[in-house]
Amino acid sequence: MSLPVEFHEIAKRVNNWGRWGRDDEIGTLNLITDDVVRTAAATVRTGRRVPLAVDLKQDGVQTGMIAGRVNPLHVMVQINQELFGPGTVATSDDAVTMGLQAGTHWDALTHASHSGRIYNGRPAATVTAHGRSEFSGIHTARHVVSRGVLLDVAAAKGVDRLPGDHAVTPEDLDEAAEFGGVTVRSGDVVLVRTGQIQVYLAGDKHGYAFPSPGLSVRTPEWFHARDVAAVADDTLTFEIFPPEIENLWMPVHALDLVEMGMLQGQNWNLEELSTACAQERRYAFLLSAMPEPFVGGTGTPVAPVAVF
C-alpha cells in the first residue's frame, strides 16, 4: 500500500534535504552550534544529575515483536583470571550480544526509509548487510550535548500517564511548554513525557509496548518550525501505536528521520526527570546524550544524563 497524499504533503513541508549541503549526513544536529552549547552549559546551577536510561538486562523492554532486536545476552568470558600467572592481579571480563535499539537508544537517520530513499535523498540501498549504513550511520552523530527541554505532557494534563490511545499533538506540546514555562529554541533536544514507561517499570513489558501513546503525525511540523535538533520520549515505538491513521504505520519515523534528518530516541526513563523539573521549578537543563559510535549502525544505546 502506497503512502497517502496527506503524508507526502507533510513531508514536503518538513523536508531538509540539501539544507546543509548535498553531502550532509547529520541533519538537524547541525543546529547544535557552539553558541547553543554555551547557552546550555549556562543552565547548570546546582550540579544535580538525573540519569535517563533504563537498565540493560536480559529481561529488558523488547518483547520479540521485532525479529532480531534482542534484549542484552550478557555472559562472562573470564572470572578472576590470573592472566600473568599465579598470585598476579586477576581480572574478570564479560561480553554482550544485543540489538542496538534494545534499550534506551537513538535511532540513526538510516533507521527508516520510504519510497526507496533515506535522509538527504540518498538511496535506501546504501544500507546493506555487509556495508551497514554507507551514509548517516550513527557514528556520524559525533556529539549530542545541548539544552534539553522536558515537555511533560502527562503532568500538564494532570495525570500520571496518558492513555494508550492518546496521540500527542502540537497542541499538547504547546500546553506542556506553557506548563513548564519554557520556550523551545533552535538546537534544543526535546524530551516528551507520556508516563508510559511506568508500565514497563511495573513489570508489564507487553502492556508497555501495546497499546501505547506517542507522537502524532502532526508533530514533525511543530519540531521543524522550531528547529529542534532531536526528540526522544518514554515509549517503545516513539509514535502512537497502533497508528492514528489506519494502515499508516510508522509515519513519524519517516518524517523525522528521512525527511527532516532528525534523531529520535525511545525508551527514555523520564520519571525522575519529571520530579526533578517540578522540584527545581524549571524544565530546561544541560543534556548529555552521546551516541555509542557503532560504525554504520542504524541505532545505538545511549545513557543520557540531565544536569541542573
Protein backbone atom coordinates (compact mmCIF):
# COMPACT_ATOMS: atom_id res chain seq x y z
CA MET A 1 0.00 0.00 0.00
CA SER A 2 1.46 3.37 -1.02
CA LEU A 3 1.79 6.24 1.42
CA PRO A 4 -1.22 8.60 1.37
CA VAL A 5 -1.28 12.10 -0.09
CA GLU A 6 -1.54 13.56 3.43
CA PHE A 7 1.82 12.03 4.34
CA HIS A 8 3.56 13.38 1.23
CA GLU A 9 2.15 16.86 1.85
CA ILE A 10 3.61 16.92 5.36
CA ALA A 11 6.88 15.50 4.02
CA LYS A 12 7.25 18.43 1.62
CA ARG A 13 6.70 20.94 4.40
CA VAL A 14 9.33 19.46 6.75
CA ASN A 15 11.92 18.33 4.21
CA ASN A 16 15.51 19.39 4.98
CA TRP A 17 17.29 17.71 2.06
CA GLY A 18 20.11 19.95 0.87
CA ARG A 19 19.64 22.47 3.68
CA TRP A 20 23.17 21.81 4.98
CA GLY A 21 24.60 20.74 1.63
CA ARG A 22 24.28 17.68 -0.56
CA ASP A 23 26.98 15.81 1.39
CA ASP A 24 25.45 16.36 4.83
CA GLU A 25 24.97 13.24 6.97
CA ILE A 26 23.85 14.58 10.37
CA GLY A 27 20.74 16.62 9.59
CA THR A 28 19.33 18.69 12.43
CA LEU A 29 22.35 18.04 14.65
CA ASN A 30 23.85 20.90 12.61
CA LEU A 31 21.59 23.13 14.70
CA ILE A 32 23.61 22.36 17.85
CA THR A 33 26.12 25.17 17.39
CA ASP A 34 28.84 26.34 19.75
CA ASP A 35 26.54 29.15 20.91
CA VAL A 36 23.75 26.66 21.63
CA VAL A 37 26.11 24.56 23.75
CA ARG A 38 27.40 27.60 25.66
CA THR A 39 23.83 28.60 26.42
CA ALA A 40 23.05 25.03 27.52
CA ALA A 41 26.05 24.98 29.84
CA ALA A 42 24.81 28.19 31.47
CA THR A 43 21.68 26.35 32.67
CA VAL A 44 23.79 24.37 35.17
CA ARG A 45 23.31 25.91 38.62
CA THR A 46 23.18 23.18 41.26
CA GLY A 47 25.02 20.28 39.61
CA ARG A 48 22.09 17.91 40.22
CA ARG A 49 22.32 14.98 37.81
CA VAL A 50 19.42 12.83 36.63
CA PRO A 51 20.03 9.60 34.67
CA LEU A 52 17.51 8.86 31.92
CA ALA A 53 18.35 5.33 30.75
CA VAL A 54 16.61 2.07 31.57
CA ASP A 55 18.79 -0.79 32.79
CA LEU A 56 20.24 -3.02 30.07
CA LYS A 57 19.32 -6.57 31.06
CA GLN A 58 18.24 -9.86 29.57
CA ASP A 59 14.63 -9.30 30.67
CA GLY A 60 14.52 -5.84 29.11
CA VAL A 61 11.93 -3.86 27.18
CA GLN A 62 11.97 -5.94 23.99
CA THR A 63 9.08 -8.38 23.57
CA GLY A 64 10.14 -10.17 20.39
CA MET A 65 7.78 -8.10 18.21
CA ILE A 66 10.76 -7.00 16.10
CA ALA A 67 12.74 -10.02 14.94
CA GLY A 68 16.41 -9.87 15.91
CA ARG A 69 16.07 -6.91 18.27
CA VAL A 70 17.09 -8.94 21.25
CA ASN A 71 17.49 -7.85 24.83
CA PRO A 72 21.11 -7.98 26.04
CA LEU A 73 22.51 -11.51 26.32
CA HIS A 74 25.23 -10.98 28.92
CA VAL A 75 27.88 -13.64 29.52
CA MET A 76 31.13 -13.81 31.49
CA VAL A 77 34.17 -14.70 29.39
CA GLN A 78 36.65 -14.78 32.27
CA ILE A 79 36.22 -14.64 36.03
CA ASN A 80 39.05 -13.63 38.37
CA GLN A 81 41.59 -14.97 35.91
CA GLU A 82 45.26 -14.50 36.80
CA LEU A 83 46.41 -13.71 33.26
CA PHE A 84 50.11 -13.42 34.12
CA GLY A 85 50.50 -16.39 36.44
CA PRO A 86 49.57 -17.48 39.96
CA GLY A 87 49.47 -14.69 42.50
CA THR A 88 49.23 -11.90 39.89
CA VAL A 89 46.39 -9.44 39.54
CA ALA A 90 43.22 -11.20 38.40
CA THR A 91 40.62 -9.76 36.06
CA SER A 92 37.05 -10.52 35.02
CA ASP A 93 35.65 -9.79 31.56
CA ASP A 94 32.23 -10.09 30.02
CA ALA A 95 30.61 -9.85 26.60
CA VAL A 96 27.18 -8.94 25.36
CA THR A 97 25.00 -9.59 22.31
CA MET A 98 22.09 -7.21 21.86
CA GLY A 99 20.02 -5.19 19.47
CA LEU A 100 21.44 -1.69 19.24
CA GLN A 101 17.93 -0.34 19.77
CA ALA A 102 17.17 -2.81 22.57
CA GLY A 103 17.06 -0.31 25.45
CA THR A 104 17.34 3.46 25.75
CA HIS A 105 18.64 4.46 22.34
CA TRP A 106 18.93 6.87 19.47
CA ASP A 107 17.65 5.92 16.03
CA ALA A 108 20.15 6.83 13.32
CA LEU A 109 18.84 8.65 10.26
CA THR A 110 19.18 5.37 8.35
CA HIS A 111 16.81 3.51 10.68
CA ALA A 112 13.87 4.37 8.42
CA SER A 113 13.36 4.82 4.70
CA HIS A 114 10.41 5.39 2.44
CA SER A 115 9.88 5.46 -1.31
CA GLY A 116 13.38 3.99 -1.70
CA ARG A 117 15.13 6.93 -0.02
CA ILE A 118 16.86 7.82 3.24
CA TYR A 119 17.83 11.27 4.54
CA ASN A 120 19.13 13.82 2.02
CA GLY A 121 17.69 11.85 -0.89
CA ARG A 122 20.22 9.03 -0.83
CA PRO A 123 19.13 5.58 -1.97
CA ALA A 124 17.88 3.27 0.75
CA ALA A 125 20.01 0.61 -0.95
CA THR A 126 23.11 2.24 0.58
CA VAL A 127 22.20 0.31 3.76
CA THR A 128 23.49 -3.23 3.18
CA ALA A 129 24.15 -6.40 5.13
CA HIS A 130 27.93 -6.20 4.88
CA GLY A 131 28.49 -2.46 4.50
CA ARG A 132 25.82 -1.45 7.01
CA SER A 133 24.92 2.25 6.64
CA GLU A 134 27.18 3.75 3.99
CA PHE A 135 25.90 7.24 4.85
CA SER A 136 24.49 8.74 8.06
CA GLY A 137 25.42 5.79 10.27
CA ILE A 138 25.06 6.54 13.95
CA HIS A 139 28.82 7.10 14.22
CA THR A 140 28.40 10.35 12.26
CA ALA A 141 26.37 11.80 15.15
CA ARG A 142 29.58 12.64 16.97
CA HIS A 143 28.20 14.91 19.66
CA VAL A 144 24.76 15.25 21.20
CA VAL A 145 25.22 17.73 24.00
CA SER A 146 22.74 20.59 24.08
CA ARG A 147 20.00 22.27 26.02
CA GLY A 148 17.43 19.66 26.94
CA VAL A 149 13.79 20.61 27.38
CA LEU A 150 11.23 18.39 29.06
CA LEU A 151 7.72 18.72 27.66
CA ASP A 152 5.83 16.88 30.39
CA VAL A 153 2.58 16.27 28.54
CA ALA A 154 1.21 13.94 31.20
CA ALA A 155 1.87 16.37 34.06
CA ALA A 156 0.46 19.28 32.07
CA LYS A 157 -2.79 17.32 31.80
CA GLY A 158 -2.75 16.47 35.49
CA VAL A 159 -2.31 12.71 35.01
CA ASP A 160 0.44 10.24 35.83
CA ARG A 161 0.23 8.57 32.43
CA LEU A 162 -1.52 9.27 29.15
CA PRO A 163 -3.99 6.62 27.99
CA GLY A 164 -2.78 4.12 25.41
CA ASP A 165 -4.82 5.67 22.60
CA HIS A 166 -3.54 9.22 23.10
CA ALA A 167 -1.74 10.77 20.13
CA VAL A 168 0.44 13.64 21.38
CA THR A 169 -0.47 16.65 19.24
CA PRO A 170 1.15 20.03 18.61
CA GLU A 171 -1.48 21.49 20.92
CA ASP A 172 -0.31 19.09 23.65
CA LEU A 173 3.27 20.22 23.12
CA ASP A 174 2.23 23.86 23.40
CA GLU A 175 0.34 23.08 26.59
CA ALA A 176 3.35 21.28 28.08
CA ALA A 177 5.69 24.13 27.16
CA GLU A 178 3.36 26.60 28.87
CA PHE A 179 3.10 24.29 31.88
CA GLY A 180 6.88 24.21 32.17
CA GLY A 181 7.33 27.91 31.46
CA VAL A 182 9.78 27.11 28.68
CA THR A 183 10.20 28.16 25.06
CA VAL A 184 11.64 25.57 22.70
CA ARG A 185 14.55 27.06 20.73
CA SER A 186 16.77 26.17 17.80
CA GLY A 187 19.20 23.38 18.68
CA ASP A 188 17.22 22.10 21.66
CA VAL A 189 16.79 18.40 22.34
CA VAL A 190 13.16 17.90 23.30
CA LEU A 191 12.09 15.10 25.66
CA VAL A 192 8.38 14.28 25.59
CA ARG A 193 6.95 12.56 28.67
CA THR A 194 3.81 10.45 28.35
CA GLY A 195 4.33 8.39 31.52
CA GLN A 196 4.14 5.16 29.51
CA ILE A 197 7.49 3.91 30.83
CA GLN A 198 5.72 3.35 34.18
CA VAL A 199 4.04 0.29 32.66
CA TYR A 200 7.40 -1.30 31.87
CA LEU A 201 8.88 -0.34 35.25
CA ALA A 202 5.91 -2.05 36.90
CA GLY A 203 6.86 -5.29 35.11
CA ASP A 204 4.43 -5.34 32.17
CA LYS A 205 6.59 -5.14 29.06
CA HIS A 206 3.75 -6.24 26.76
CA GLY A 207 1.41 -3.59 28.13
CA TYR A 208 4.21 -1.07 27.71
CA ALA A 209 4.53 -1.94 24.04
CA PHE A 210 0.86 -2.03 23.07
CA PRO A 211 -1.28 -0.01 23.06
CA SER A 212 0.95 2.98 23.58
CA PRO A 213 0.56 6.73 23.50
CA GLY A 214 3.08 8.56 21.37
CA LEU A 215 3.71 11.36 18.94
CA SER A 216 1.12 12.24 16.33
CA VAL A 217 1.88 12.50 12.62
CA ARG A 218 1.18 16.21 13.09
CA THR A 219 4.14 16.79 15.46
CA PRO A 220 7.03 16.80 12.93
CA GLU A 221 5.84 20.17 11.64
CA TRP A 222 5.92 21.54 15.20
CA PHE A 223 9.52 20.40 15.67
CA HIS A 224 10.53 21.60 12.21
CA ALA A 225 9.11 25.09 12.83
CA ARG A 226 11.24 25.39 15.98
CA ASP A 227 14.43 23.91 14.51
CA VAL A 228 14.61 21.18 17.15
CA ALA A 229 17.83 19.15 16.97
CA ALA A 230 16.49 15.83 18.30
CA VAL A 231 13.47 14.36 20.07
CA ALA A 232 13.11 11.45 22.50
CA ASP A 233 10.26 10.03 24.53
CA ASP A 234 9.41 7.36 27.09
CA THR A 235 7.74 4.78 24.84
CA LEU A 236 8.80 1.73 22.86
CA THR A 237 7.52 2.91 19.49
CA PHE A 238 8.06 6.69 19.79
CA GLU A 239 4.84 7.44 17.92
CA ILE A 240 1.33 6.35 18.84
CA PHE A 241 0.84 2.63 18.38
CA PRO A 242 -1.42 1.41 16.77
CA PRO A 243 -1.28 4.37 14.37
CA GLU A 244 -3.81 7.18 14.40
CA ILE A 245 -4.34 6.82 10.63
CA GLU A 246 -5.44 3.32 9.71
CA ASN A 247 -2.73 1.29 7.94
CA LEU A 248 -0.24 4.19 8.03
CA TRP A 249 2.49 2.52 10.08
CA MET A 250 5.47 4.46 11.48
CA PRO A 251 4.87 7.72 9.56
CA VAL A 252 6.55 9.85 12.27
CA HIS A 253 9.72 7.78 11.90
CA ALA A 254 9.75 8.52 8.19
CA LEU A 255 9.05 12.23 8.61
CA ASP A 256 11.59 12.76 11.41
CA LEU A 257 14.44 10.57 10.20
CA VAL A 258 14.08 10.61 6.42
CA GLU A 259 12.58 14.00 5.63
CA MET A 260 13.94 16.18 8.45
CA GLY A 261 17.10 14.28 9.29
CA MET A 262 16.27 14.50 12.99
CA LEU A 263 17.48 11.93 15.51
CA GLN A 264 14.78 10.35 17.62
CA GLY A 265 15.09 8.36 20.81
CA GLN A 266 12.96 5.76 22.55
CA ASN A 267 12.69 4.00 25.92
CA TRP A 268 13.96 7.03 27.83
CA ASN A 269 13.04 6.95 31.52
CA LEU A 270 11.71 10.44 32.19
CA GLU A 271 10.08 9.75 35.57
CA GLU A 272 12.88 11.02 37.82
CA LEU A 273 13.39 13.93 35.43
CA SER A 274 9.73 14.90 35.78
CA THR A 275 10.13 15.00 39.55
CA ALA A 276 13.40 16.94 39.34
CA CYS A 277 11.97 19.54 36.96
CA ALA A 278 9.00 20.10 39.28
CA GLN A 279 11.30 20.43 42.31
CA GLU A 280 13.77 22.71 40.52
CA ARG A 281 10.86 24.68 39.01
CA ARG A 282 12.46 24.68 35.58
CA TYR A 283 12.15 22.43 32.58
CA ALA A 284 15.38 23.22 30.73
CA PHE A 285 18.80 21.75 31.57
CA LEU A 286 22.10 20.65 30.11
CA LEU A 287 21.65 17.29 28.40
CA SER A 288 24.48 14.92 27.55
CA ALA A 289 23.27 12.10 25.31
CA MET A 290 26.30 10.90 23.40
CA PRO A 291 25.66 8.05 20.96
CA GLU A 292 27.88 4.98 21.14
CA PRO A 293 29.75 5.30 17.79
CA PHE A 294 28.97 1.97 16.13
CA VAL A 295 30.27 2.47 12.60
CA GLY A 296 27.44 2.13 10.12
CA GLY A 297 24.87 1.49 12.85
CA THR A 298 21.19 2.27 12.34
CA GLY A 299 20.86 2.95 16.05
CA THR A 300 22.83 2.90 19.28
CA PRO A 301 22.45 2.56 23.04
CA VAL A 302 22.69 5.80 24.97
CA ALA A 303 22.91 6.62 28.68
CA PRO A 304 21.65 10.22 28.82
CA VAL A 305 22.11 12.49 31.81
CA ALA A 306 20.31 15.76 32.56
CA VAL A 307 22.30 18.28 34.62
CA PHE A 308 20.61 21.13 36.52
